[in-house]
Amino acid sequence: MNPRVRELQETVCALHAELVRYDLVAWTAGNVSGRVPGEDLFVIKPSGVSYDDLTPEAIVVCDLDGNLVEGDYAPSSDTAAHAYVYRAMPHVGGVVHTHSTYASAWAARGEAIPCVLTAMADEFGGEIPVGPFALIGGDDIGKGVVATLEGHRSPAVLMQNHGVFTIGASAKAAVKAAVMCEDVARTVHVSRQLGTPLPIAQADIDSLYDRYQNVYGQRSPR
């Protein structure tokens, strides 16, 4: 087996536990995928397999058309959507899909989450947008994700009447975006119960986003 594939299977398997830990999924719903570096392949959760039963060996390998290349299970029902994102967005290294409660509630309303928190400006660079309604199974969801996020700083999109899709430079980055999406969806919802949230000026959003993306955290020594 390609060692890069095996390493990614282990990483993606472990990242599914983060979806459970942060209460982003129920039963067998939701999935994480990761692009294999240097290959036209990605790995993804198999369809309908319990999170408790996931092992690195259970994570299946697909090509960028969504065809099963390696594995004993059928790929996720969202595989075609993930594949479309990878084909259309070469910079994306990971994709996550959840039905997390608060973010999905915004999706059910077809309403973007407004940027009223500094944490949103940091991670999403503005509002979290809404993508179009699309049926599960084909690549229509992927098309909606790409059309909504192209030219947008947000790594998350609320697919109308469905749930959350997030992208990242890696599978871990996409999981982080999914965790943060649910966190701010919950906080902004609570804020609206108390009154009208106060907007953040666009110039301040831009400044916060630049600082978080380019200054915050540790940097490798030159």
N, C-alpha and C. Protein backbone atom coordinates (compact mmCIF):
# COMPACT_ATOMS: atom_id res chain seq x y z
N MET A 1 0.84 -1.20 0.00
CA MET A 1 0.00 0.00 0.00
C MET A 1 0.87 1.25 0.00
N ASN A 2 0.43 2.26 -0.74
CA ASN A 2 1.10 3.55 -0.74
C ASN A 2 1.16 4.10 0.69
N PRO A 3 2.37 4.38 1.22
CA PRO A 3 2.46 4.85 2.60
C PRO A 3 1.74 6.17 2.84
N ARG A 4 1.64 7.02 1.81
CA ARG A 4 0.91 8.28 1.97
C ARG A 4 -0.58 8.02 2.14
N VAL A 5 -1.09 7.01 1.44
CA VAL A 5 -2.50 6.64 1.58
C VAL A 5 -2.75 6.10 2.98
N ARG A 6 -1.88 5.20 3.43
CA ARG A 6 -2.05 4.61 4.76
C ARG A 6 -2.00 5.68 5.85
N GLU A 7 -1.06 6.61 5.75
CA GLU A 7 -0.97 7.67 6.75
C GLU A 7 -2.23 8.53 6.76
N LEU A 8 -2.76 8.83 5.58
CA LEU A 8 -3.96 9.65 5.50
C LEU A 8 -5.18 8.89 6.03
N GLN A 9 -5.26 7.60 5.77
CA GLN A 9 -6.35 6.79 6.33
C GLN A 9 -6.34 6.87 7.85
N GLU A 10 -5.16 6.79 8.44
CA GLU A 10 -5.05 6.87 9.90
C GLU A 10 -5.48 8.24 10.40
N THR A 11 -5.06 9.28 9.69
CA THR A 11 -5.41 10.65 10.09
C THR A 11 -6.91 10.88 9.98
N VAL A 12 -7.49 10.51 8.85
CA VAL A 12 -8.92 10.75 8.63
C VAL A 12 -9.77 9.91 9.58
N CYS A 13 -9.34 8.69 9.85
CA CYS A 13 -10.06 7.87 10.82
C CYS A 13 -10.09 8.56 12.18
N ALA A 14 -8.95 9.04 12.63
CA ALA A 14 -8.87 9.72 13.93
C ALA A 14 -9.70 11.00 13.96
N LEU A 15 -9.74 11.72 12.84
CA LEU A 15 -10.49 12.98 12.80
C LEU A 15 -11.99 12.76 12.94
N HIS A 16 -12.49 11.61 12.53
CA HIS A 16 -13.92 11.34 12.71
C HIS A 16 -14.30 11.35 14.19
N ALA A 17 -13.37 10.96 15.05
CA ALA A 17 -13.65 10.99 16.49
C ALA A 17 -13.86 12.42 16.98
N GLU A 18 -13.24 13.39 16.29
CA GLU A 18 -13.43 14.79 16.67
C GLU A 18 -14.86 15.25 16.37
N LEU A 19 -15.46 14.73 15.30
CA LEU A 19 -16.86 15.07 15.01
C LEU A 19 -17.76 14.60 16.13
N VAL A 20 -17.47 13.42 16.66
CA VAL A 20 -18.26 12.88 17.78
C VAL A 20 -17.98 13.70 19.04
N ARG A 21 -16.72 13.98 19.30
CA ARG A 21 -16.33 14.69 20.53
C ARG A 21 -16.97 16.06 20.61
N TYR A 22 -17.10 16.73 19.48
CA TYR A 22 -17.68 18.07 19.47
C TYR A 22 -19.18 18.05 19.16
N ASP A 23 -19.79 16.87 19.17
CA ASP A 23 -21.24 16.71 19.01
C ASP A 23 -21.73 17.29 17.69
N LEU A 24 -21.00 17.00 16.62
CA LEU A 24 -21.36 17.52 15.30
C LEU A 24 -22.15 16.51 14.47
N VAL A 25 -22.25 15.26 14.93
CA VAL A 25 -22.88 14.21 14.15
C VAL A 25 -23.77 13.34 15.04
N ALA A 26 -24.71 12.65 14.38
CA ALA A 26 -25.56 11.69 15.07
C ALA A 26 -25.55 10.37 14.30
N TRP A 27 -25.49 9.26 15.05
CA TRP A 27 -25.52 7.92 14.46
C TRP A 27 -24.37 7.76 13.47
N THR A 28 -24.66 7.48 12.17
CA THR A 28 -23.57 7.30 11.20
C THR A 28 -23.45 8.47 10.24
N ALA A 29 -24.22 9.53 10.46
CA ALA A 29 -24.20 10.67 9.55
C ALA A 29 -22.88 11.42 9.64
N GLY A 30 -22.55 12.13 8.57
CA GLY A 30 -21.35 12.96 8.54
C GLY A 30 -20.14 12.21 8.02
N ASN A 31 -19.15 12.96 7.55
CA ASN A 31 -17.96 12.34 7.00
C ASN A 31 -16.82 13.33 6.87
N VAL A 32 -15.62 12.78 6.89
CA VAL A 32 -14.39 13.52 6.65
C VAL A 32 -13.68 12.86 5.48
N SER A 33 -13.10 13.66 4.61
CA SER A 33 -12.26 13.11 3.55
C SER A 33 -10.97 13.90 3.48
N GLY A 34 -9.95 13.28 2.87
CA GLY A 34 -8.67 13.96 2.69
C GLY A 34 -8.05 13.60 1.37
N ARG A 35 -7.48 14.60 0.70
CA ARG A 35 -6.82 14.37 -0.59
C ARG A 35 -5.44 13.74 -0.34
N VAL A 36 -5.12 12.73 -1.12
CA VAL A 36 -3.80 12.10 -1.04
C VAL A 36 -2.79 13.00 -1.74
N PRO A 37 -1.76 13.46 -1.02
CA PRO A 37 -0.77 14.36 -1.64
C PRO A 37 -0.11 13.72 -2.86
N GLY A 38 -0.07 14.48 -3.95
CA GLY A 38 0.60 14.02 -5.15
C GLY A 38 -0.12 12.98 -5.96
N GLU A 39 -1.36 12.66 -5.57
CA GLU A 39 -2.13 11.63 -6.27
C GLU A 39 -3.52 12.16 -6.61
N ASP A 40 -4.14 11.64 -7.65
CA ASP A 40 -5.52 11.99 -7.97
C ASP A 40 -6.46 11.04 -7.20
N LEU A 41 -6.30 11.05 -5.89
CA LEU A 41 -7.05 10.16 -5.00
C LEU A 41 -7.44 10.91 -3.74
N PHE A 42 -8.49 10.43 -3.09
CA PHE A 42 -8.82 10.90 -1.75
C PHE A 42 -9.36 9.74 -0.95
N VAL A 43 -9.33 9.89 0.37
CA VAL A 43 -9.88 8.85 1.26
C VAL A 43 -11.08 9.43 1.98
N ILE A 44 -12.05 8.57 2.30
CA ILE A 44 -13.31 9.04 2.88
C ILE A 44 -13.95 7.93 3.71
N LYS A 45 -14.79 8.33 4.63
CA LYS A 45 -15.54 7.39 5.46
C LYS A 45 -16.46 6.52 4.60
N PRO A 46 -16.57 5.23 4.92
CA PRO A 46 -17.52 4.38 4.20
C PRO A 46 -18.96 4.68 4.62
N SER A 47 -19.89 4.33 3.77
CA SER A 47 -21.30 4.62 4.00
C SER A 47 -21.88 3.77 5.12
N GLY A 48 -22.58 4.43 6.06
CA GLY A 48 -23.36 3.73 7.06
C GLY A 48 -22.59 2.96 8.10
N VAL A 49 -21.30 3.21 8.24
CA VAL A 49 -20.49 2.51 9.23
C VAL A 49 -20.44 3.34 10.51
N SER A 50 -20.67 2.69 11.65
CA SER A 50 -20.66 3.38 12.93
C SER A 50 -19.30 3.99 13.22
N TYR A 51 -19.32 5.14 13.88
CA TYR A 51 -18.06 5.77 14.27
C TYR A 51 -17.27 4.87 15.21
N ASP A 52 -17.95 4.10 16.04
CA ASP A 52 -17.27 3.18 16.95
C ASP A 52 -16.55 2.06 16.21
N ASP A 53 -17.01 1.77 15.01
CA ASP A 53 -16.43 0.66 14.24
C ASP A 53 -15.40 1.11 13.21
N LEU A 54 -15.16 2.41 13.13
CA LEU A 54 -14.20 2.90 12.14
C LEU A 54 -12.78 2.50 12.50
N THR A 55 -12.06 2.03 11.53
CA THR A 55 -10.63 1.76 11.65
C THR A 55 -9.95 2.35 10.42
N PRO A 56 -8.64 2.55 10.46
CA PRO A 56 -7.97 3.05 9.26
C PRO A 56 -8.22 2.17 8.05
N GLU A 57 -8.31 0.86 8.26
CA GLU A 57 -8.55 -0.06 7.16
C GLU A 57 -9.93 0.11 6.54
N ALA A 58 -10.88 0.62 7.34
CA ALA A 58 -12.25 0.82 6.85
C ALA A 58 -12.39 2.06 5.98
N ILE A 59 -11.46 3.02 6.13
CA ILE A 59 -11.51 4.24 5.34
C ILE A 59 -11.17 3.89 3.89
N VAL A 60 -12.07 4.21 2.97
CA VAL A 60 -11.91 3.77 1.58
C VAL A 60 -11.18 4.81 0.74
N VAL A 61 -10.60 4.35 -0.35
CA VAL A 61 -9.84 5.20 -1.27
C VAL A 61 -10.64 5.34 -2.56
N CYS A 62 -10.79 6.58 -3.04
CA CYS A 62 -11.53 6.86 -4.28
C CYS A 62 -10.69 7.72 -5.21
N ASP A 63 -11.00 7.65 -6.50
CA ASP A 63 -10.37 8.58 -7.43
C ASP A 63 -11.17 9.87 -7.46
N LEU A 64 -10.71 10.84 -8.22
CA LEU A 64 -11.35 12.16 -8.21
C LEU A 64 -12.66 12.20 -8.99
N ASP A 65 -13.06 11.07 -9.55
CA ASP A 65 -14.40 10.95 -10.12
C ASP A 65 -15.36 10.27 -9.13
N GLY A 66 -14.83 9.94 -7.94
CA GLY A 66 -15.66 9.32 -6.92
C GLY A 66 -15.75 7.81 -7.01
N ASN A 67 -14.95 7.20 -7.87
CA ASN A 67 -14.98 5.74 -8.02
C ASN A 67 -14.14 5.08 -6.93
N LEU A 68 -14.63 3.97 -6.39
CA LEU A 68 -13.89 3.22 -5.39
C LEU A 68 -12.64 2.62 -6.02
N VAL A 69 -11.50 2.88 -5.41
CA VAL A 69 -10.22 2.35 -5.88
C VAL A 69 -9.72 1.24 -4.97
N GLU A 70 -9.95 1.44 -3.67
CA GLU A 70 -9.45 0.47 -2.70
C GLU A 70 -10.33 0.51 -1.46
N GLY A 71 -10.71 -0.65 -0.95
CA GLY A 71 -11.50 -0.74 0.28
C GLY A 71 -12.55 -1.82 0.19
N ASP A 72 -13.00 -2.26 1.36
CA ASP A 72 -13.97 -3.34 1.44
C ASP A 72 -15.41 -2.85 1.59
N TYR A 73 -15.60 -1.54 1.68
CA TYR A 73 -16.92 -0.97 1.91
C TYR A 73 -17.30 -0.02 0.78
N ALA A 74 -18.60 0.23 0.65
CA ALA A 74 -19.08 1.25 -0.28
C ALA A 74 -18.74 2.63 0.30
N PRO A 75 -18.29 3.55 -0.53
CA PRO A 75 -17.97 4.89 -0.03
C PRO A 75 -19.22 5.63 0.46
N SER A 76 -18.97 6.69 1.20
CA SER A 76 -20.04 7.56 1.69
C SER A 76 -20.99 7.98 0.57
N SER A 77 -22.24 8.20 0.93
CA SER A 77 -23.22 8.69 -0.06
C SER A 77 -22.89 10.10 -0.53
N ASP A 78 -21.98 10.78 0.18
CA ASP A 78 -21.57 12.13 -0.20
C ASP A 78 -20.28 12.14 -1.03
N THR A 79 -19.83 10.96 -1.45
CA THR A 79 -18.54 10.87 -2.14
C THR A 79 -18.50 11.72 -3.41
N ALA A 80 -19.57 11.71 -4.19
CA ALA A 80 -19.58 12.49 -5.44
C ALA A 80 -19.43 13.97 -5.16
N ALA A 81 -20.01 14.44 -4.05
CA ALA A 81 -19.88 15.86 -3.69
C ALA A 81 -18.43 16.19 -3.32
N HIS A 82 -17.82 15.33 -2.51
CA HIS A 82 -16.42 15.54 -2.14
C HIS A 82 -15.54 15.53 -3.38
N ALA A 83 -15.77 14.55 -4.27
CA ALA A 83 -14.95 14.42 -5.48
C ALA A 83 -15.04 15.68 -6.33
N TYR A 84 -16.24 16.24 -6.47
CA TYR A 84 -16.41 17.44 -7.28
C TYR A 84 -15.61 18.60 -6.69
N VAL A 85 -15.65 18.73 -5.35
CA VAL A 85 -14.88 19.80 -4.71
C VAL A 85 -13.40 19.64 -4.99
N TYR A 86 -12.89 18.43 -4.88
CA TYR A 86 -11.46 18.21 -5.14
C TYR A 86 -11.09 18.50 -6.59
N ARG A 87 -11.97 18.14 -7.51
CA ARG A 87 -11.67 18.42 -8.93
C ARG A 87 -11.68 19.91 -9.22
N ALA A 88 -12.62 20.61 -8.63
CA ALA A 88 -12.81 22.02 -8.94
C ALA A 88 -11.90 22.95 -8.15
N MET A 89 -11.41 22.49 -6.99
CA MET A 89 -10.63 23.35 -6.09
C MET A 89 -9.33 22.62 -5.73
N PRO A 90 -8.32 22.72 -6.59
CA PRO A 90 -7.08 21.97 -6.37
C PRO A 90 -6.35 22.30 -5.07
N HIS A 91 -6.62 23.48 -4.49
CA HIS A 91 -5.95 23.87 -3.25
C HIS A 91 -6.56 23.20 -2.03
N VAL A 92 -7.72 22.57 -2.18
CA VAL A 92 -8.41 21.95 -1.05
C VAL A 92 -7.81 20.58 -0.77
N GLY A 93 -7.43 20.35 0.49
CA GLY A 93 -6.87 19.08 0.89
C GLY A 93 -7.77 18.27 1.78
N GLY A 94 -8.88 18.86 2.24
CA GLY A 94 -9.81 18.14 3.10
C GLY A 94 -11.21 18.71 3.00
N VAL A 95 -12.20 17.83 3.12
CA VAL A 95 -13.62 18.22 3.07
C VAL A 95 -14.34 17.52 4.22
N VAL A 96 -15.24 18.23 4.86
CA VAL A 96 -16.03 17.67 5.97
C VAL A 96 -17.50 18.00 5.75
N HIS A 97 -18.34 17.04 6.10
CA HIS A 97 -19.79 17.28 6.06
C HIS A 97 -20.39 16.87 7.40
N THR A 98 -21.20 17.74 7.98
CA THR A 98 -21.91 17.43 9.22
C THR A 98 -23.35 17.93 9.13
N HIS A 99 -24.16 17.44 10.06
CA HIS A 99 -25.50 17.96 10.26
C HIS A 99 -25.59 18.57 11.65
N SER A 100 -24.56 19.28 12.06
CA SER A 100 -24.52 19.83 13.42
C SER A 100 -25.75 20.72 13.66
N THR A 101 -26.26 20.66 14.89
CA THR A 101 -27.61 21.15 15.20
C THR A 101 -27.82 22.62 14.86
N TYR A 102 -27.01 23.50 15.43
CA TYR A 102 -27.28 24.93 15.26
C TYR A 102 -26.99 25.40 13.84
N ALA A 103 -25.89 24.95 13.27
CA ALA A 103 -25.59 25.35 11.90
C ALA A 103 -26.64 24.83 10.93
N SER A 104 -27.12 23.59 11.16
CA SER A 104 -28.15 23.03 10.29
C SER A 104 -29.48 23.77 10.46
N ALA A 105 -29.71 24.31 11.66
CA ALA A 105 -30.93 25.11 11.87
C ALA A 105 -30.90 26.37 11.01
N TRP A 106 -29.72 27.00 10.91
CA TRP A 106 -29.58 28.15 10.02
C TRP A 106 -29.78 27.71 8.57
N ALA A 107 -29.24 26.54 8.22
CA ALA A 107 -29.40 26.02 6.86
C ALA A 107 -30.86 25.76 6.54
N ALA A 108 -31.62 25.27 7.52
CA ALA A 108 -33.05 25.00 7.32
C ALA A 108 -33.82 26.28 7.03
N ARG A 109 -33.33 27.39 7.56
CA ARG A 109 -33.95 28.69 7.30
C ARG A 109 -33.44 29.31 6.00
N GLY A 110 -32.37 28.73 5.44
CA GLY A 110 -31.76 29.33 4.25
C GLY A 110 -31.17 30.68 4.55
N GLU A 111 -30.59 30.80 5.75
CA GLU A 111 -30.09 32.11 6.19
C GLU A 111 -28.61 32.03 6.50
N ALA A 112 -27.83 32.95 5.95
CA ALA A 112 -26.41 33.04 6.27
C ALA A 112 -26.23 33.47 7.72
N ILE A 113 -25.14 33.04 8.33
CA ILE A 113 -24.82 33.47 9.69
C ILE A 113 -24.04 34.77 9.60
N PRO A 114 -24.57 35.87 10.12
CA PRO A 114 -23.90 37.16 9.97
C PRO A 114 -22.63 37.22 10.82
N CYS A 115 -21.67 38.00 10.36
CA CYS A 115 -20.39 38.13 11.06
C CYS A 115 -20.53 39.16 12.18
N VAL A 116 -20.88 38.68 13.36
CA VAL A 116 -21.08 39.56 14.51
C VAL A 116 -20.18 39.17 15.68
N LEU A 117 -19.20 38.30 15.43
CA LEU A 117 -18.26 37.86 16.46
C LEU A 117 -16.84 37.95 15.89
N THR A 118 -15.90 38.34 16.74
CA THR A 118 -14.51 38.40 16.27
C THR A 118 -14.02 37.01 15.86
N ALA A 119 -14.51 35.96 16.53
CA ALA A 119 -14.11 34.60 16.16
C ALA A 119 -14.54 34.26 14.73
N MET A 120 -15.67 34.81 14.31
CA MET A 120 -16.12 34.61 12.93
C MET A 120 -15.22 35.35 11.95
N ALA A 121 -14.88 36.58 12.30
CA ALA A 121 -13.98 37.35 11.43
C ALA A 121 -12.64 36.63 11.30
N ASP A 122 -12.15 36.10 12.41
CA ASP A 122 -10.87 35.38 12.41
C ASP A 122 -10.89 34.19 11.46
N GLU A 123 -11.84 33.30 11.66
CA GLU A 123 -11.84 32.00 10.97
C GLU A 123 -12.49 32.06 9.60
N PHE A 124 -13.57 32.86 9.47
CA PHE A 124 -14.38 32.83 8.25
C PHE A 124 -14.25 34.08 7.39
N GLY A 125 -13.68 35.14 7.94
CA GLY A 125 -13.47 36.35 7.15
C GLY A 125 -14.74 37.05 6.74
N GLY A 126 -15.84 36.79 7.45
CA GLY A 126 -17.13 37.38 7.12
C GLY A 126 -18.24 36.42 7.49
N GLU A 127 -19.39 36.60 6.85
CA GLU A 127 -20.51 35.72 7.13
C GLU A 127 -20.23 34.29 6.67
N ILE A 128 -21.00 33.34 7.20
CA ILE A 128 -20.98 31.97 6.69
C ILE A 128 -22.14 31.87 5.72
N PRO A 129 -21.86 31.68 4.43
CA PRO A 129 -22.91 31.79 3.41
C PRO A 129 -23.78 30.55 3.30
N VAL A 130 -24.88 30.72 2.58
CA VAL A 130 -25.82 29.62 2.31
C VAL A 130 -25.67 29.19 0.86
N GLY A 131 -25.59 27.87 0.65
CA GLY A 131 -25.56 27.32 -0.69
C GLY A 131 -26.94 26.80 -1.08
N PRO A 132 -27.14 26.45 -2.33
CA PRO A 132 -28.45 26.05 -2.83
C PRO A 132 -28.87 24.67 -2.35
N PHE A 133 -30.17 24.42 -2.37
CA PHE A 133 -30.69 23.08 -2.09
C PHE A 133 -30.26 22.13 -3.20
N ALA A 134 -29.86 20.93 -2.83
CA ALA A 134 -29.47 19.92 -3.81
C ALA A 134 -29.73 18.54 -3.22
N LEU A 135 -30.09 17.60 -4.06
CA LEU A 135 -30.35 16.24 -3.61
C LEU A 135 -29.05 15.49 -3.39
N ILE A 136 -29.08 14.55 -2.44
CA ILE A 136 -27.92 13.76 -2.09
C ILE A 136 -27.70 12.65 -3.12
N GLY A 137 -26.43 12.33 -3.37
CA GLY A 137 -26.11 11.18 -4.20
C GLY A 137 -25.28 11.51 -5.42
N GLY A 138 -25.57 12.62 -6.07
CA GLY A 138 -24.80 13.04 -7.23
C GLY A 138 -23.83 14.14 -6.86
N ASP A 139 -23.35 14.87 -7.88
CA ASP A 139 -22.39 15.93 -7.59
C ASP A 139 -23.02 17.31 -7.50
N ASP A 140 -24.37 17.38 -7.48
CA ASP A 140 -25.03 18.68 -7.38
C ASP A 140 -24.67 19.41 -6.09
N ILE A 141 -24.53 18.66 -5.00
CA ILE A 141 -24.12 19.30 -3.74
C ILE A 141 -22.73 19.88 -3.89
N GLY A 142 -21.82 19.12 -4.47
CA GLY A 142 -20.47 19.61 -4.69
C GLY A 142 -20.46 20.87 -5.55
N LYS A 143 -21.28 20.88 -6.59
CA LYS A 143 -21.36 22.07 -7.43
C LYS A 143 -21.83 23.28 -6.63
N GLY A 144 -22.80 23.06 -5.75
CA GLY A 144 -23.30 24.16 -4.92
C GLY A 144 -22.27 24.66 -3.93
N VAL A 145 -21.50 23.73 -3.35
CA VAL A 145 -20.44 24.10 -2.42
C VAL A 145 -19.40 24.95 -3.14
N VAL A 146 -18.96 24.51 -4.28
CA VAL A 146 -17.93 25.23 -5.03
C VAL A 146 -18.43 26.60 -5.49
N ALA A 147 -19.62 26.63 -6.06
CA ALA A 147 -20.16 27.90 -6.56
C ALA A 147 -20.31 28.92 -5.44
N THR A 148 -20.64 28.45 -4.23
CA THR A 148 -20.84 29.36 -3.11
C THR A 148 -19.51 29.83 -2.52
N LEU A 149 -18.54 28.94 -2.43
CA LEU A 149 -17.30 29.27 -1.73
C LEU A 149 -16.23 29.89 -2.63
N GLU A 150 -16.34 29.72 -3.96
CA GLU A 150 -15.35 30.33 -4.84
C GLU A 150 -15.38 31.85 -4.68
N GLY A 151 -14.25 32.42 -4.41
CA GLY A 151 -14.18 33.87 -4.23
C GLY A 151 -14.65 34.33 -2.86
N HIS A 152 -14.94 33.39 -1.96
CA HIS A 152 -15.40 33.70 -0.61
C HIS A 152 -14.33 33.27 0.37
N ARG A 153 -14.12 34.05 1.43
CA ARG A 153 -13.09 33.68 2.40
C ARG A 153 -13.54 32.57 3.34
N SER A 154 -14.83 32.36 3.47
CA SER A 154 -15.33 31.34 4.40
C SER A 154 -14.94 29.95 3.93
N PRO A 155 -14.43 29.10 4.86
CA PRO A 155 -14.21 27.70 4.53
C PRO A 155 -15.44 26.84 4.81
N ALA A 156 -16.56 27.48 5.16
CA ALA A 156 -17.78 26.75 5.49
C ALA A 156 -18.95 27.28 4.69
N VAL A 157 -19.85 26.38 4.33
CA VAL A 157 -21.09 26.76 3.66
C VAL A 157 -22.24 25.98 4.28
N LEU A 158 -23.36 26.65 4.45
CA LEU A 158 -24.58 26.01 4.94
C LEU A 158 -25.41 25.63 3.72
N MET A 159 -25.49 24.35 3.42
CA MET A 159 -26.28 23.92 2.27
C MET A 159 -27.75 23.89 2.68
N GLN A 160 -28.56 24.65 1.96
CA GLN A 160 -29.96 24.87 2.32
C GLN A 160 -30.70 23.56 2.58
N ASN A 161 -31.43 23.52 3.71
CA ASN A 161 -32.24 22.36 4.10
C ASN A 161 -31.42 21.09 4.31
N HIS A 162 -30.12 21.24 4.51
CA HIS A 162 -29.27 20.05 4.60
C HIS A 162 -28.32 20.13 5.79
N GLY A 163 -27.22 20.82 5.63
CA GLY A 163 -26.24 20.86 6.70
C GLY A 163 -25.00 21.62 6.27
N VAL A 164 -23.88 21.27 6.88
CA VAL A 164 -22.64 22.03 6.72
C VAL A 164 -21.64 21.26 5.87
N PHE A 165 -20.97 21.97 4.97
CA PHE A 165 -19.78 21.46 4.30
C PHE A 165 -18.66 22.44 4.57
N THR A 166 -17.49 21.91 4.91
CA THR A 166 -16.33 22.75 5.13
C THR A 166 -15.16 22.23 4.32
N ILE A 167 -14.25 23.14 3.99
CA ILE A 167 -13.05 22.80 3.23
C ILE A 167 -11.84 23.31 3.99
N GLY A 168 -10.67 22.76 3.64
CA GLY A 168 -9.44 23.23 4.26
C GLY A 168 -8.25 22.76 3.49
N ALA A 169 -7.08 23.32 3.81
CA ALA A 169 -5.85 22.89 3.18
C ALA A 169 -5.51 21.46 3.55
N SER A 170 -6.08 20.99 4.65
CA SER A 170 -5.92 19.61 5.10
C SER A 170 -7.24 19.15 5.68
N ALA A 171 -7.35 17.84 5.92
CA ALA A 171 -8.56 17.31 6.55
C ALA A 171 -8.72 17.90 7.95
N LYS A 172 -7.62 18.07 8.68
CA LYS A 172 -7.69 18.65 10.02
C LYS A 172 -8.22 20.08 9.97
N ALA A 173 -7.77 20.87 9.01
CA ALA A 173 -8.24 22.25 8.88
C ALA A 173 -9.73 22.29 8.57
N ALA A 174 -10.21 21.35 7.76
CA ALA A 174 -11.64 21.30 7.44
C ALA A 174 -12.45 20.91 8.67
N VAL A 175 -11.91 20.01 9.51
CA VAL A 175 -12.60 19.65 10.75
C VAL A 175 -12.65 20.85 11.69
N LYS A 176 -11.55 21.57 11.80
CA LYS A 176 -11.55 22.78 12.64
C LYS A 176 -12.64 23.74 12.19
N ALA A 177 -12.76 23.95 10.88
CA ALA A 177 -13.79 24.86 10.37
C ALA A 177 -15.18 24.38 10.73
N ALA A 178 -15.41 23.07 10.70
CA ALA A 178 -16.72 22.52 11.06
C ALA A 178 -17.02 22.74 12.54
N VAL A 179 -16.00 22.57 13.39
CA VAL A 179 -16.17 22.80 14.82
C VAL A 179 -16.48 24.27 15.08
N MET A 180 -15.73 25.16 14.47
CA MET A 180 -15.93 26.59 14.66
C MET A 180 -17.27 27.05 14.09
N CYS A 181 -17.69 26.46 12.99
CA CYS A 181 -18.97 26.82 12.38
C CYS A 181 -20.12 26.55 13.35
N GLU A 182 -20.11 25.38 13.96
CA GLU A 182 -21.19 25.06 14.91
C GLU A 182 -21.11 25.96 16.13
N ASP A 183 -19.91 26.27 16.59
CA ASP A 183 -19.75 27.11 17.78
C ASP A 183 -20.33 28.50 17.55
N VAL A 184 -20.00 29.13 16.42
CA VAL A 184 -20.52 30.48 16.18
C VAL A 184 -22.00 30.44 15.81
N ALA A 185 -22.46 29.37 15.15
CA ALA A 185 -23.88 29.26 14.83
C ALA A 185 -24.70 29.25 16.12
N ARG A 186 -24.22 28.54 17.12
CA ARG A 186 -24.91 28.48 18.41
C ARG A 186 -24.89 29.84 19.11
N THR A 187 -23.73 30.48 19.15
CA THR A 187 -23.60 31.75 19.86
C THR A 187 -24.43 32.85 19.21
N VAL A 188 -24.40 32.92 17.88
CA VAL A 188 -25.19 33.96 17.19
C VAL A 188 -26.68 33.69 17.38
N HIS A 189 -27.09 32.42 17.39
CA HIS A 189 -28.50 32.10 17.65
C HIS A 189 -28.90 32.59 19.04
N VAL A 190 -28.09 32.32 20.05
CA VAL A 190 -28.40 32.76 21.41
C VAL A 190 -28.45 34.28 21.46
N SER A 191 -27.52 34.93 20.79
CA SER A 191 -27.51 36.40 20.76
C SER A 191 -28.81 36.95 20.21
N ARG A 192 -29.34 36.31 19.18
CA ARG A 192 -30.59 36.81 18.57
C ARG A 192 -31.79 36.61 19.49
N GLN A 193 -31.69 35.67 20.42
CA GLN A 193 -32.77 35.52 21.38
C GLN A 193 -32.80 36.69 22.37
N LEU A 194 -31.64 37.31 22.54
CA LEU A 194 -31.53 38.43 23.48
C LEU A 194 -31.81 39.78 22.82
N GLY A 195 -31.75 39.83 21.51
CA GLY A 195 -31.96 41.10 20.81
C GLY A 195 -31.31 41.04 19.44
N THR A 196 -30.91 42.18 18.94
CA THR A 196 -30.29 42.27 17.63
C THR A 196 -28.78 42.31 17.76
N PRO A 197 -28.07 41.32 17.23
CA PRO A 197 -26.59 41.34 17.32
C PRO A 197 -26.02 42.57 16.62
N LEU A 198 -24.93 43.08 17.16
CA LEU A 198 -24.29 44.26 16.60
C LEU A 198 -23.32 43.84 15.49
N PRO A 199 -23.41 44.45 14.33
CA PRO A 199 -22.50 44.09 13.23
C PRO A 199 -21.08 44.59 13.51
N ILE A 200 -20.12 43.97 12.85
CA ILE A 200 -18.72 44.41 12.89
C ILE A 200 -18.42 45.10 11.56
N ALA A 201 -17.78 46.23 11.61
CA ALA A 201 -17.45 46.97 10.39
C ALA A 201 -16.55 46.13 9.50
N GLN A 202 -16.74 46.26 8.18
CA GLN A 202 -15.98 45.45 7.24
C GLN A 202 -14.48 45.65 7.39
N ALA A 203 -14.05 46.88 7.62
CA ALA A 203 -12.61 47.14 7.78
C ALA A 203 -12.06 46.39 8.98
N ASP A 204 -12.85 46.30 10.04
CA ASP A 204 -12.41 45.57 11.23
C ASP A 204 -12.41 44.07 10.98
N ILE A 205 -13.39 43.58 10.21
CA ILE A 205 -13.39 42.16 9.84
C ILE A 205 -12.13 41.83 9.05
N ASP A 206 -11.79 42.70 8.10
CA ASP A 206 -10.60 42.47 7.28
C ASP A 206 -9.34 42.44 8.13
N SER A 207 -9.25 43.36 9.09
CA SER A 207 -8.08 43.44 9.96
C SER A 207 -7.97 42.20 10.85
N LEU A 208 -9.10 41.79 11.42
CA LEU A 208 -9.11 40.61 12.28
C LEU A 208 -8.73 39.36 11.50
N TYR A 209 -9.27 39.23 10.29
CA TYR A 209 -8.98 38.05 9.46
C TYR A 209 -7.50 37.99 9.11
N ASP A 210 -6.94 39.12 8.72
CA ASP A 210 -5.52 39.16 8.35
C ASP A 210 -4.64 38.80 9.54
N ARG A 211 -4.95 39.34 10.71
CA ARG A 211 -4.15 39.04 11.90
C ARG A 211 -4.20 37.56 12.23
N TYR A 212 -5.40 36.99 12.22
CA TYR A 212 -5.55 35.59 12.62
C TYR A 212 -4.89 34.65 11.62
N GLN A 213 -5.03 34.97 10.34
CA GLN A 213 -4.49 34.09 9.31
C GLN A 213 -2.98 34.20 9.16
N ASN A 214 -2.42 35.37 9.48
CA ASN A 214 -1.02 35.61 9.17
C ASN A 214 -0.12 35.90 10.36
N VAL A 215 -0.69 36.17 11.53
CA VAL A 215 0.11 36.54 12.70
C VAL A 215 -0.14 35.60 13.88
N TYR A 216 -1.39 35.25 14.14
CA TYR A 216 -1.77 34.45 15.30
C TYR A 216 -1.07 33.09 15.31
N GLY A 217 -0.76 32.62 16.50
CA GLY A 217 -0.19 31.28 16.65
C GLY A 217 1.32 31.26 16.48
N GLN A 218 1.87 30.06 16.44
CA GLN A 218 3.32 29.87 16.35
C GLN A 218 3.75 29.81 14.89
N ARG A 219 4.90 30.32 14.61
CA ARG A 219 5.48 30.26 13.28
C ARG A 219 6.80 29.52 13.32
N SER A 220 7.07 28.77 12.29
CA SER A 220 8.34 28.06 12.23
C SER A 220 9.49 29.06 12.16
N PRO A 221 10.59 28.79 12.84
CA PRO A 221 11.73 29.72 12.78
C PRO A 221 12.31 29.76 11.37
N ARG A 222 12.73 30.94 10.98
CA ARG A 222 13.28 31.09 9.64
C ARG A 222 14.69 30.49 9.56
